[in-house]
Amino acid sequence: MPENQRESSRGYHFINTYQCCPRKWYIKYYLGFDPTKTAKALIFGKVFHEIMEAFYKGGPNALNLDDIISLGTTRLREQEINYETSSDFANDLARLPMMLGAWYGKYGSTDFELYDIIDIEKELPVNLPNGMSMTVRPDIVIRRKETNLVYAFEHKTTSYSLSQMASSVEAQDQATIQQIGIQQNYPADIGDFFSGIVPSIVYQ
């Protein structure tokens, strides 16, 4: 696996790719070949994840909405070369501020008031009952201050269907693996209070 690949060689996407298409897995992970261009949804989602990570790591007073939009625009411009067409890039550049604004209005502006942040993008080893092991990386693990319940937020963006994206997050094997990973890797006061995956979805 190429050294610059961020995800673990035993992570969820590594295994899921093999389940969906062994040939794609062989080309990507064994031979180390990646497409010359990246699907626009993956580029946009990657940038959105980077902004969410920067926001939560910065703390409640580090980044306001203008900062988030500025940082997001800069990060997306850095990815322009990876877009298949200039019109795809232009469309994403135009909708990014609207989607960041929608996310901030619904989640970002209140999350630090409602939740304590436990971890952000932390890679967790998972030991499966069949003796195999893998890793999973929840977007963010948080504890609701009012109830002491623990959740993992799964950040997603979509321009297609909000309901389908939400059901996809809840039904994926990734949600199950995240739950197992959190319960195996955190002390009882976190793992025993884990209450599920919360889709944090922005639709535009």
C-alpha atoms as a PDB file:
ATOM      1  CA  MET A   1       0.000   0.000   0.000  1.00  0.00           C
ATOM      2  CA  PRO A   2       1.449   3.440  -0.853  1.00  0.00           C
ATOM      3  CA  GLU A   3       2.955   5.239   2.139  1.00  0.00           C
ATOM      4  CA  ASN A   4       0.957   8.414   1.492  1.00  0.00           C
ATOM      5  CA  GLN A   5      -2.359   6.569   1.823  1.00  0.00           C
ATOM      6  CA  ARG A   6      -4.005   7.926   4.980  1.00  0.00           C
ATOM      7  CA  GLU A   7      -6.241   5.033   5.891  1.00  0.00           C
ATOM      8  CA  SER A   8      -4.930   1.946   7.614  1.00  0.00           C
ATOM      9  CA  SER A   9      -4.167  -1.071   5.433  1.00  0.00           C
ATOM     10  CA  ARG A  10      -6.710  -2.955   7.543  1.00  0.00           C
ATOM     11  CA  GLY A  11      -9.322  -0.213   7.744  1.00  0.00           C
ATOM     12  CA  TYR A  12     -12.995  -0.378   6.869  1.00  0.00           C
ATOM     13  CA  HIS A  13     -12.602   0.941   3.318  1.00  0.00           C
ATOM     14  CA  PHE A  14      -9.779  -1.513   2.643  1.00  0.00           C
ATOM     15  CA  ILE A  15     -12.018  -4.448   3.508  1.00  0.00           C
ATOM     16  CA  ASN A  16     -15.183  -2.961   2.004  1.00  0.00           C
ATOM     17  CA  THR A  17     -13.458  -2.413  -1.340  1.00  0.00           C
ATOM     18  CA  TYR A  18     -12.518  -6.089  -1.472  1.00  0.00           C
ATOM     19  CA  GLN A  19     -16.083  -7.129  -0.627  1.00  0.00           C
ATOM     20  CA  CYS A  20     -17.524  -4.910  -3.372  1.00  0.00           C
ATOM     21  CA  CYS A  21     -14.934  -5.546  -6.089  1.00  0.00           C
ATOM     22  CA  PRO A  22     -11.854  -7.766  -5.596  1.00  0.00           C
ATOM     23  CA  ARG A  23     -10.392  -6.519  -8.894  1.00  0.00           C
ATOM     24  CA  LYS A  24     -10.598  -2.883  -7.750  1.00  0.00           C
ATOM     25  CA  TRP A  25      -8.999  -3.888  -4.444  1.00  0.00           C
ATOM     26  CA  TYR A  26      -6.177  -5.660  -6.288  1.00  0.00           C
ATOM     27  CA  ILE A  27      -5.494  -2.663  -8.546  1.00  0.00           C
ATOM     28  CA  LYS A  28      -5.697  -0.054  -5.781  1.00  0.00           C
ATOM     29  CA  TYR A  29      -4.160  -1.752  -2.752  1.00  0.00           C
ATOM     30  CA  TYR A  30      -1.931  -4.504  -4.127  1.00  0.00           C
ATOM     31  CA  LEU A  31      -0.607  -2.824  -7.279  1.00  0.00           C
ATOM     32  CA  GLY A  32      -0.828   0.661  -5.761  1.00  0.00           C
ATOM     33  CA  PHE A  33      -2.528   2.321  -8.731  1.00  0.00           C
ATOM     34  CA  ASP A  34      -4.969   5.157  -8.162  1.00  0.00           C
ATOM     35  CA  PRO A  35      -7.158   6.880 -10.771  1.00  0.00           C
ATOM     36  CA  THR A  36      -5.631   9.997 -12.330  1.00  0.00           C
ATOM     37  CA  LYS A  37      -8.807  11.877 -11.444  1.00  0.00           C
ATOM     38  CA  THR A  38     -11.020  11.581  -8.381  1.00  0.00           C
ATOM     39  CA  ALA A  39     -14.814  11.520  -8.298  1.00  0.00           C
ATOM     40  CA  LYS A  40     -16.058  14.990  -7.427  1.00  0.00           C
ATOM     41  CA  ALA A  41     -18.160  13.691  -4.513  1.00  0.00           C
ATOM     42  CA  LEU A  42     -15.038  12.185  -2.915  1.00  0.00           C
ATOM     43  CA  ILE A  43     -13.058  15.413  -3.348  1.00  0.00           C
ATOM     44  CA  PHE A  44     -15.828  17.522  -1.882  1.00  0.00           C
ATOM     45  CA  GLY A  45     -16.414  15.096   0.981  1.00  0.00           C
ATOM     46  CA  LYS A  46     -12.698  14.972   1.801  1.00  0.00           C
ATOM     47  CA  VAL A  47     -12.486  18.768   2.003  1.00  0.00           C
ATOM     48  CA  PHE A  48     -15.617  18.903   4.152  1.00  0.00           C
ATOM     49  CA  HIS A  49     -14.122  16.329   6.544  1.00  0.00           C
ATOM     50  CA  GLU A  50     -10.907  18.357   6.797  1.00  0.00           C
ATOM     51  CA  ILE A  51     -12.875  21.469   7.743  1.00  0.00           C
ATOM     52  CA  MET A  52     -14.910  19.595  10.351  1.00  0.00           C
ATOM     53  CA  GLU A  53     -11.724  18.189  11.840  1.00  0.00           C
ATOM     54  CA  ALA A  54     -10.093  21.621  11.989  1.00  0.00           C
ATOM     55  CA  PHE A  55     -13.218  23.125  13.563  1.00  0.00           C
ATOM     56  CA  TYR A  56     -13.549  20.585  16.365  1.00  0.00           C
ATOM     57  CA  LYS A  57      -9.827  20.440  17.093  1.00  0.00           C
ATOM     58  CA  GLY A  58      -9.723  24.227  17.297  1.00  0.00           C
ATOM     59  CA  GLY A  59     -12.215  24.424  20.118  1.00  0.00           C
ATOM     60  CA  PRO A  60     -15.262  26.649  20.652  1.00  0.00           C
ATOM     61  CA  ASN A  61     -13.592  30.005  19.977  1.00  0.00           C
ATOM     62  CA  ALA A  62     -11.064  29.170  17.265  1.00  0.00           C
ATOM     63  CA  LEU A  63     -13.069  29.293  14.015  1.00  0.00           C
ATOM     64  CA  ASN A  64     -16.192  31.288  13.198  1.00  0.00           C
ATOM     65  CA  LEU A  65     -18.287  30.789  10.067  1.00  0.00           C
ATOM     66  CA  ASP A  66     -16.209  33.218   7.978  1.00  0.00           C
ATOM     67  CA  ASP A  67     -13.033  31.362   8.999  1.00  0.00           C
ATOM     68  CA  ILE A  68     -14.590  28.023   8.076  1.00  0.00           C
ATOM     69  CA  ILE A  69     -15.697  29.243   4.646  1.00  0.00           C
ATOM     70  CA  SER A  70     -12.303  30.800   3.949  1.00  0.00           C
ATOM     71  CA  LEU A  71     -10.452  27.642   4.976  1.00  0.00           C
ATOM     72  CA  GLY A  72     -12.832  25.443   3.002  1.00  0.00           C
ATOM     73  CA  THR A  73     -12.458  27.544  -0.130  1.00  0.00           C
ATOM     74  CA  THR A  74      -8.678  27.401   0.150  1.00  0.00           C
ATOM     75  CA  ARG A  75      -8.660  23.624   0.616  1.00  0.00           C
ATOM     76  CA  LEU A  76     -11.042  23.087  -2.311  1.00  0.00           C
ATOM     77  CA  ARG A  77      -8.936  25.279  -4.606  1.00  0.00           C
ATOM     78  CA  GLU A  78      -5.955  23.091  -3.742  1.00  0.00           C
ATOM     79  CA  GLN A  79      -7.932  20.126  -5.111  1.00  0.00           C
ATOM     80  CA  GLU A  80      -8.886  21.760  -8.427  1.00  0.00           C
ATOM     81  CA  ILE A  81      -6.317  19.737 -10.355  1.00  0.00           C
ATOM     82  CA  ASN A  82      -8.053  16.503  -9.291  1.00  0.00           C
ATOM     83  CA  TYR A  83     -11.415  17.412 -10.802  1.00  0.00           C
ATOM     84  CA  GLU A  84     -12.370  15.827 -14.103  1.00  0.00           C
ATOM     85  CA  THR A  85     -13.914  19.044 -15.467  1.00  0.00           C
ATOM     86  CA  SER A  86     -13.613  22.741 -14.680  1.00  0.00           C
ATOM     87  CA  SER A  87     -17.409  23.010 -14.453  1.00  0.00           C
ATOM     88  CA  ASP A  88     -17.513  20.368 -11.698  1.00  0.00           C
ATOM     89  CA  PHE A  89     -14.951  22.352  -9.740  1.00  0.00           C
ATOM     90  CA  ALA A  90     -16.816  25.634 -10.295  1.00  0.00           C
ATOM     91  CA  ASN A  91     -20.101  24.105  -9.132  1.00  0.00           C
ATOM     92  CA  ASP A  92     -18.526  22.702  -5.959  1.00  0.00           C
ATOM     93  CA  LEU A  93     -16.757  25.984  -5.263  1.00  0.00           C
ATOM     94  CA  ALA A  94     -20.083  27.799  -5.529  1.00  0.00           C
ATOM     95  CA  ARG A  95     -22.006  25.423  -3.261  1.00  0.00           C
ATOM     96  CA  LEU A  96     -19.308  24.989  -0.606  1.00  0.00           C
ATOM     97  CA  PRO A  97     -20.074  28.240   1.304  1.00  0.00           C
ATOM     98  CA  MET A  98     -23.806  27.420   1.333  1.00  0.00           C
ATOM     99  CA  MET A  99     -23.210  23.916   2.667  1.00  0.00           C
ATOM    100  CA  LEU A 100     -20.708  25.058   5.279  1.00  0.00           C
ATOM    101  CA  GLY A 101     -23.190  27.734   6.357  1.00  0.00           C
ATOM    102  CA  ALA A 102     -25.973  25.139   6.620  1.00  0.00           C
ATOM    103  CA  TRP A 103     -23.734  22.814   8.634  1.00  0.00           C
ATOM    104  CA  TYR A 104     -22.588  25.581  10.967  1.00  0.00           C
ATOM    105  CA  GLY A 105     -26.154  26.758  11.551  1.00  0.00           C
ATOM    106  CA  LYS A 106     -27.405  23.273  12.423  1.00  0.00           C
ATOM    107  CA  TYR A 107     -24.387  21.726  14.161  1.00  0.00           C
ATOM    108  CA  GLY A 108     -21.249  23.801  14.532  1.00  0.00           C
ATOM    109  CA  SER A 109     -22.758  26.785  16.321  1.00  0.00           C
ATOM    110  CA  THR A 110     -24.139  24.652  19.184  1.00  0.00           C
ATOM    111  CA  ASP A 111     -22.055  21.459  19.355  1.00  0.00           C
ATOM    112  CA  PHE A 112     -19.573  22.801  21.902  1.00  0.00           C
ATOM    113  CA  GLU A 113     -22.464  23.881  24.133  1.00  0.00           C
ATOM    114  CA  LEU A 114     -24.206  20.492  23.946  1.00  0.00           C
ATOM    115  CA  TYR A 115     -21.284  18.056  23.836  1.00  0.00           C
ATOM    116  CA  ASP A 116     -17.872  17.336  25.303  1.00  0.00           C
ATOM    117  CA  ILE A 117     -15.427  16.322  22.573  1.00  0.00           C
ATOM    118  CA  ILE A 118     -13.717  13.003  23.389  1.00  0.00           C
ATOM    119  CA  ASP A 119     -11.743  12.271  20.221  1.00  0.00           C
ATOM    120  CA  ILE A 120     -11.506  13.463  16.623  1.00  0.00           C
ATOM    121  CA  GLU A 121     -10.488  11.175  13.738  1.00  0.00           C
ATOM    122  CA  LYS A 122      -8.754   8.733  16.084  1.00  0.00           C
ATOM    123  CA  GLU A 123      -7.836   5.371  14.563  1.00  0.00           C
ATOM    124  CA  LEU A 124      -9.102   2.477  16.676  1.00  0.00           C
ATOM    125  CA  PRO A 125      -7.991  -1.174  16.421  1.00  0.00           C
ATOM    126  CA  VAL A 126     -10.877  -3.641  16.328  1.00  0.00           C
ATOM    127  CA  ASN A 127     -10.562  -7.332  17.251  1.00  0.00           C
ATOM    128  CA  LEU A 128     -13.241  -9.455  15.608  1.00  0.00           C
ATOM    129  CA  PRO A 129     -14.699 -12.701  17.047  1.00  0.00           C
ATOM    130  CA  ASN A 130     -13.150 -14.731  14.199  1.00  0.00           C
ATOM    131  CA  GLY A 131      -9.647 -13.733  15.299  1.00  0.00           C
ATOM    132  CA  MET A 132      -9.121 -11.129  12.572  1.00  0.00           C
ATOM    133  CA  SER A 133      -8.357  -7.505  13.328  1.00  0.00           C
ATOM    134  CA  MET A 134      -8.938  -4.234  11.506  1.00  0.00           C
ATOM    135  CA  THR A 135      -9.101  -0.523  12.231  1.00  0.00           C
ATOM    136  CA  VAL A 136     -11.835   2.092  12.164  1.00  0.00           C
ATOM    137  CA  ARG A 137     -11.674   5.884  12.395  1.00  0.00           C
ATOM    138  CA  PRO A 138     -14.833   7.602  13.728  1.00  0.00           C
ATOM    139  CA  ASP A 139     -15.150  11.193  12.532  1.00  0.00           C
ATOM    140  CA  ILE A 140     -15.742  12.410  16.070  1.00  0.00           C
ATOM    141  CA  VAL A 141     -16.637  10.798  19.406  1.00  0.00           C
ATOM    142  CA  ILE A 142     -18.659  13.055  21.705  1.00  0.00           C
ATOM    143  CA  ARG A 143     -20.514  12.951  25.020  1.00  0.00           C
ATOM    144  CA  ARG A 144     -23.776  14.835  25.460  1.00  0.00           C
ATOM    145  CA  LYS A 145     -23.405  16.977  28.582  1.00  0.00           C
ATOM    146  CA  GLU A 146     -27.052  16.734  29.631  1.00  0.00           C
ATOM    147  CA  THR A 147     -27.370  12.929  29.555  1.00  0.00           C
ATOM    148  CA  ASN A 148     -23.772  11.641  29.681  1.00  0.00           C
ATOM    149  CA  LEU A 149     -24.534   9.485  26.612  1.00  0.00           C
ATOM    150  CA  VAL A 150     -21.745   8.939  24.068  1.00  0.00           C
ATOM    151  CA  TYR A 151     -22.154   9.133  20.282  1.00  0.00           C
ATOM    152  CA  ALA A 152     -20.029   9.036  17.160  1.00  0.00           C
ATOM    153  CA  PHE A 153     -20.807  11.683  14.551  1.00  0.00           C
ATOM    154  CA  GLU A 154     -20.524  10.599  10.913  1.00  0.00           C
ATOM    155  CA  HIS A 155     -20.137  13.660   8.670  1.00  0.00           C
ATOM    156  CA  LYS A 156     -21.620  13.307   5.185  1.00  0.00           C
ATOM    157  CA  THR A 157     -22.446  15.613   2.293  1.00  0.00           C
ATOM    158  CA  THR A 158     -24.927  14.886  -0.477  1.00  0.00           C
ATOM    159  CA  SER A 159     -26.689  16.621  -3.328  1.00  0.00           C
ATOM    160  CA  TYR A 160     -28.888  13.609  -4.085  1.00  0.00           C
ATOM    161  CA  SER A 161     -31.035  12.303  -1.230  1.00  0.00           C
ATOM    162  CA  LEU A 162     -30.902  13.245   2.440  1.00  0.00           C
ATOM    163  CA  SER A 163     -33.011  10.284   3.576  1.00  0.00           C
ATOM    164  CA  GLN A 164     -31.027   7.751   1.555  1.00  0.00           C
ATOM    165  CA  MET A 165     -27.757   9.078   2.927  1.00  0.00           C
ATOM    166  CA  ALA A 166     -29.053   8.855   6.505  1.00  0.00           C
ATOM    167  CA  SER A 167     -30.294   5.275   6.066  1.00  0.00           C
ATOM    168  CA  SER A 168     -27.015   4.375   4.365  1.00  0.00           C
ATOM    169  CA  VAL A 169     -24.998   5.553   7.366  1.00  0.00           C
ATOM    170  CA  GLU A 170     -27.196   3.658   9.815  1.00  0.00           C
ATOM    171  CA  ALA A 171     -27.226   0.425   7.771  1.00  0.00           C
ATOM    172  CA  GLN A 172     -23.544   0.237   6.804  1.00  0.00           C
ATOM    173  CA  ASP A 173     -21.187  -2.272   8.361  1.00  0.00           C
ATOM    174  CA  GLN A 174     -19.042   0.749   9.199  1.00  0.00           C
ATOM    175  CA  ALA A 175     -21.530   1.797  11.901  1.00  0.00           C
ATOM    176  CA  THR A 176     -21.326  -1.643  13.530  1.00  0.00           C
ATOM    177  CA  ILE A 177     -17.519  -1.657  13.403  1.00  0.00           C
ATOM    178  CA  GLN A 178     -17.387   1.836  14.921  1.00  0.00           C
ATOM    179  CA  GLN A 179     -19.544   0.701  17.825  1.00  0.00           C
ATOM    180  CA  ILE A 180     -17.340  -2.338  18.449  1.00  0.00           C
ATOM    181  CA  GLY A 181     -14.193  -0.206  18.175  1.00  0.00           C
ATOM    182  CA  ILE A 182     -15.441   2.373  20.664  1.00  0.00           C
ATOM    183  CA  GLN A 183     -16.552  -0.252  23.178  1.00  0.00           C
ATOM    184  CA  GLN A 184     -13.227  -2.110  22.887  1.00  0.00           C
ATOM    185  CA  ASN A 185     -10.933   0.910  23.093  1.00  0.00           C
ATOM    186  CA  TYR A 186     -12.478   3.253  25.636  1.00  0.00           C
ATOM    187  CA  PRO A 187     -12.980   2.822  29.388  1.00  0.00           C
ATOM    188  CA  ALA A 188     -16.361   1.763  30.714  1.00  0.00           C
ATOM    189  CA  ASP A 189     -17.501   5.312  31.459  1.00  0.00           C
ATOM    190  CA  ILE A 190     -17.375   5.923  27.689  1.00  0.00           C
ATOM    191  CA  GLY A 191     -17.873   2.511  26.057  1.00  0.00           C
ATOM    192  CA  ASP A 192     -20.805   1.486  28.255  1.00  0.00           C
ATOM    193  CA  PHE A 193     -22.586   4.765  27.505  1.00  0.00           C
ATOM    194  CA  PHE A 194     -22.152   4.541  23.749  1.00  0.00           C
ATOM    195  CA  SER A 195     -25.580   5.068  22.171  1.00  0.00           C
ATOM    196  CA  GLY A 196     -24.941   4.916  18.437  1.00  0.00           C
ATOM    197  CA  ILE A 197     -23.887   6.685  15.272  1.00  0.00           C
ATOM    198  CA  VAL A 198     -25.388  10.109  14.561  1.00  0.00           C
ATOM    199  CA  PRO A 199     -25.435  11.076  10.866  1.00  0.00           C
ATOM    200  CA  SER A 200     -24.322  14.696  10.522  1.00  0.00           C
ATOM    201  CA  ILE A 201     -25.524  15.259   6.958  1.00  0.00           C
ATOM    202  CA  VAL A 202     -25.505  18.423   4.885  1.00  0.00           C
ATOM    203  CA  TYR A 203     -27.731  18.423   1.819  1.00  0.00           C
ATOM    204  CA  GLN A 204     -27.494  20.902  -1.052  1.00  0.00           C
END
